[in-house]
Amino acid sequence: MALVPCVLAVSELGRIHPDEVFQALEPAYWRVHGYGVLAWEWREGLRNWAVPGVLAAFLKAAHGVGITDPRVYRGVVALPQFALHAWSLWAVYRFAERRAGPWGGALAVLL
């Protein structure tokens, strides 16, 4: 059951939240390529560059190996999201497993 969000993080290439583009993807693209749409919050320094910075590193690596298709870019930036989700599930399992045993850990991950 918990595998479903992991698979969707990589396979779903559409937007889930409208601001996703202007809060993460567009600033990351701007960082790598030097052009794009930056909302005023970025120009004024009100937003944190942590998430766009991580995504920019993945976009720069993709650009370095010749990936230029925007659909593939979406898959590339989904990889750190997938890794974070998988790590979170592992942390939930370990936390619950220490308290309720292996079955409790598995149940916690499924929930």
C-alpha atoms as a PDB file:
ATOM      1  CA  MET A   1       0.000   0.000   0.000  1.00  0.00           C
ATOM      2  CA  ALA A   2       2.792   2.436   0.858  1.00  0.00           C
ATOM      3  CA  LEU A   3       4.474   1.637  -2.444  1.00  0.00           C
ATOM      4  CA  VAL A   4       1.667   3.458  -4.290  1.00  0.00           C
ATOM      5  CA  PRO A   5       2.774   7.001  -3.292  1.00  0.00           C
ATOM      6  CA  CYS A   6       6.371   6.112  -4.139  1.00  0.00           C
ATOM      7  CA  VAL A   7       5.429   4.961  -7.629  1.00  0.00           C
ATOM      8  CA  LEU A   8       3.155   7.967  -8.138  1.00  0.00           C
ATOM      9  CA  ALA A   9       5.948  10.361  -7.141  1.00  0.00           C
ATOM     10  CA  VAL A  10       7.974   9.155 -10.109  1.00  0.00           C
ATOM     11  CA  SER A  11       5.261   8.297 -12.649  1.00  0.00           C
ATOM     12  CA  GLU A  12       2.868  11.236 -12.144  1.00  0.00           C
ATOM     13  CA  LEU A  13       4.343  14.026 -14.225  1.00  0.00           C
ATOM     14  CA  GLY A  14       1.465  16.471 -13.882  1.00  0.00           C
ATOM     15  CA  ARG A  15       1.081  19.183 -11.296  1.00  0.00           C
ATOM     16  CA  ILE A  16      -0.557  18.299  -8.012  1.00  0.00           C
ATOM     17  CA  HIS A  17      -0.451  21.783  -6.510  1.00  0.00           C
ATOM     18  CA  PRO A  18      -0.705  24.925  -8.691  1.00  0.00           C
ATOM     19  CA  ASP A  19       2.100  26.753  -6.864  1.00  0.00           C
ATOM     20  CA  GLU A  20       4.433  23.791  -7.286  1.00  0.00           C
ATOM     21  CA  VAL A  21       5.800  25.308 -10.479  1.00  0.00           C
ATOM     22  CA  PHE A  22       6.503  28.795  -9.131  1.00  0.00           C
ATOM     23  CA  GLN A  23       7.728  27.702  -5.684  1.00  0.00           C
ATOM     24  CA  ALA A  24      10.091  24.913  -6.710  1.00  0.00           C
ATOM     25  CA  LEU A  25      10.405  23.991 -10.376  1.00  0.00           C
ATOM     26  CA  GLU A  26      10.687  27.401 -12.009  1.00  0.00           C
ATOM     27  CA  PRO A  27      13.289  28.775  -9.544  1.00  0.00           C
ATOM     28  CA  ALA A  28      15.316  25.571  -9.935  1.00  0.00           C
ATOM     29  CA  TYR A  29      15.175  25.887 -13.723  1.00  0.00           C
ATOM     30  CA  TRP A  30      16.164  29.569 -13.436  1.00  0.00           C
ATOM     31  CA  ARG A  31      19.158  28.619 -11.276  1.00  0.00           C
ATOM     32  CA  VAL A  32      20.413  26.146 -13.863  1.00  0.00           C
ATOM     33  CA  HIS A  33      19.662  27.967 -17.115  1.00  0.00           C
ATOM     34  CA  GLY A  34      19.657  31.620 -16.075  1.00  0.00           C
ATOM     35  CA  TYR A  35      16.189  32.399 -17.384  1.00  0.00           C
ATOM     36  CA  GLY A  36      12.620  31.653 -16.422  1.00  0.00           C
ATOM     37  CA  VAL A  37       9.799  33.176 -14.423  1.00  0.00           C
ATOM     38  CA  LEU A  38      10.639  34.197 -10.874  1.00  0.00           C
ATOM     39  CA  ALA A  39       7.835  35.357  -8.609  1.00  0.00           C
ATOM     40  CA  TRP A  40       8.414  38.534  -6.644  1.00  0.00           C
ATOM     41  CA  GLU A  41       9.027  36.541  -3.453  1.00  0.00           C
ATOM     42  CA  TRP A  42      12.217  35.127  -4.967  1.00  0.00           C
ATOM     43  CA  ARG A  43      13.490  38.504  -6.158  1.00  0.00           C
ATOM     44  CA  GLU A  44      12.851  40.058  -2.719  1.00  0.00           C
ATOM     45  CA  GLY A  45      14.507  37.173  -0.873  1.00  0.00           C
ATOM     46  CA  LEU A  46      11.405  36.030   0.996  1.00  0.00           C
ATOM     47  CA  ARG A  47      11.596  32.381  -0.040  1.00  0.00           C
ATOM     48  CA  ASN A  48      14.052  29.717   1.046  1.00  0.00           C
ATOM     49  CA  TRP A  49      16.232  28.273  -1.718  1.00  0.00           C
ATOM     50  CA  ALA A  50      16.641  24.824  -0.095  1.00  0.00           C
ATOM     51  CA  VAL A  51      14.108  22.896  -2.206  1.00  0.00           C
ATOM     52  CA  PRO A  52      14.817  24.697  -5.502  1.00  0.00           C
ATOM     53  CA  GLY A  53      18.530  24.287  -4.784  1.00  0.00           C
ATOM     54  CA  VAL A  54      18.239  20.511  -4.477  1.00  0.00           C
ATOM     55  CA  LEU A  55      16.067  20.323  -7.586  1.00  0.00           C
ATOM     56  CA  ALA A  56      18.526  22.583  -9.437  1.00  0.00           C
ATOM     57  CA  ALA A  57      21.348  20.160  -8.658  1.00  0.00           C
ATOM     58  CA  PHE A  58      19.354  17.330 -10.231  1.00  0.00           C
ATOM     59  CA  LEU A  59      18.430  19.492 -13.246  1.00  0.00           C
ATOM     60  CA  LYS A  60      22.063  20.508 -13.718  1.00  0.00           C
ATOM     61  CA  ALA A  61      23.150  16.863 -13.607  1.00  0.00           C
ATOM     62  CA  ALA A  62      20.438  15.966 -16.126  1.00  0.00           C
ATOM     63  CA  HIS A  63      21.519  18.814 -18.385  1.00  0.00           C
ATOM     64  CA  GLY A  64      25.117  17.638 -18.055  1.00  0.00           C
ATOM     65  CA  VAL A  65      24.248  14.226 -19.474  1.00  0.00           C
ATOM     66  CA  GLY A  66      22.218  15.725 -22.324  1.00  0.00           C
ATOM     67  CA  ILE A  67      18.664  15.512 -21.000  1.00  0.00           C
ATOM     68  CA  THR A  68      16.645  18.455 -22.313  1.00  0.00           C
ATOM     69  CA  ASP A  69      13.076  17.138 -22.636  1.00  0.00           C
ATOM     70  CA  PRO A  70      10.776  18.826 -20.070  1.00  0.00           C
ATOM     71  CA  ARG A  71       8.878  15.571 -19.479  1.00  0.00           C
ATOM     72  CA  VAL A  72      12.116  13.843 -18.564  1.00  0.00           C
ATOM     73  CA  TYR A  73      13.034  16.831 -16.373  1.00  0.00           C
ATOM     74  CA  ARG A  74       9.838  16.208 -14.399  1.00  0.00           C
ATOM     75  CA  GLY A  75      10.905  12.618 -13.856  1.00  0.00           C
ATOM     76  CA  VAL A  76      14.381  13.735 -12.794  1.00  0.00           C
ATOM     77  CA  VAL A  77      13.067  16.182 -10.177  1.00  0.00           C
ATOM     78  CA  ALA A  78      10.724  13.463  -8.891  1.00  0.00           C
ATOM     79  CA  LEU A  79      13.716  11.326  -7.894  1.00  0.00           C
ATOM     80  CA  PRO A  80      14.630  13.295  -4.742  1.00  0.00           C
ATOM     81  CA  GLN A  81      10.940  13.337  -3.790  1.00  0.00           C
ATOM     82  CA  PHE A  82      10.817   9.573  -4.217  1.00  0.00           C
ATOM     83  CA  ALA A  83      13.973   9.155  -2.133  1.00  0.00           C
ATOM     84  CA  LEU A  84      12.609  11.367   0.645  1.00  0.00           C
ATOM     85  CA  HIS A  85       9.327   9.451   0.705  1.00  0.00           C
ATOM     86  CA  ALA A  86      11.103   6.082   0.773  1.00  0.00           C
ATOM     87  CA  TRP A  87      13.405   7.274   3.566  1.00  0.00           C
ATOM     88  CA  SER A  88      10.382   8.511   5.542  1.00  0.00           C
ATOM     89  CA  LEU A  89       8.684   5.130   5.201  1.00  0.00           C
ATOM     90  CA  TRP A  90      11.861   3.402   6.382  1.00  0.00           C
ATOM     91  CA  ALA A  91      12.011   5.737   9.398  1.00  0.00           C
ATOM     92  CA  VAL A  92       8.363   4.983  10.231  1.00  0.00           C
ATOM     93  CA  TYR A  93       9.058   1.261   9.995  1.00  0.00           C
ATOM     94  CA  ARG A  94      12.097   1.459  12.279  1.00  0.00           C
ATOM     95  CA  PHE A  95      10.264   3.619  14.816  1.00  0.00           C
ATOM     96  CA  ALA A  96       7.236   1.323  14.987  1.00  0.00           C
ATOM     97  CA  GLU A  97       9.297  -1.867  14.783  1.00  0.00           C
ATOM     98  CA  ARG A  98      11.216  -0.933  17.931  1.00  0.00           C
ATOM     99  CA  ARG A  99       7.972  -0.527  19.822  1.00  0.00           C
ATOM    100  CA  ALA A 100       5.675  -3.139  18.303  1.00  0.00           C
ATOM    101  CA  GLY A 101       7.924  -5.626  16.518  1.00  0.00           C
ATOM    102  CA  PRO A 102       8.214  -6.382  12.796  1.00  0.00           C
ATOM    103  CA  TRP A 103       4.469  -6.746  12.274  1.00  0.00           C
ATOM    104  CA  GLY A 104       3.827  -3.413  13.974  1.00  0.00           C
ATOM    105  CA  GLY A 105       6.434  -1.767  11.774  1.00  0.00           C
ATOM    106  CA  ALA A 106       4.898  -3.191   8.621  1.00  0.00           C
ATOM    107  CA  LEU A 107       1.422  -2.123   9.724  1.00  0.00           C
ATOM    108  CA  ALA A 108       2.650   1.408  10.458  1.00  0.00           C
ATOM    109  CA  VAL A 109       4.122   1.662   6.958  1.00  0.00           C
ATOM    110  CA  LEU A 110       0.897   0.430   5.408  1.00  0.00           C
ATOM    111  CA  LEU A 111      -1.126   2.984   7.328  1.00  0.00           C
END
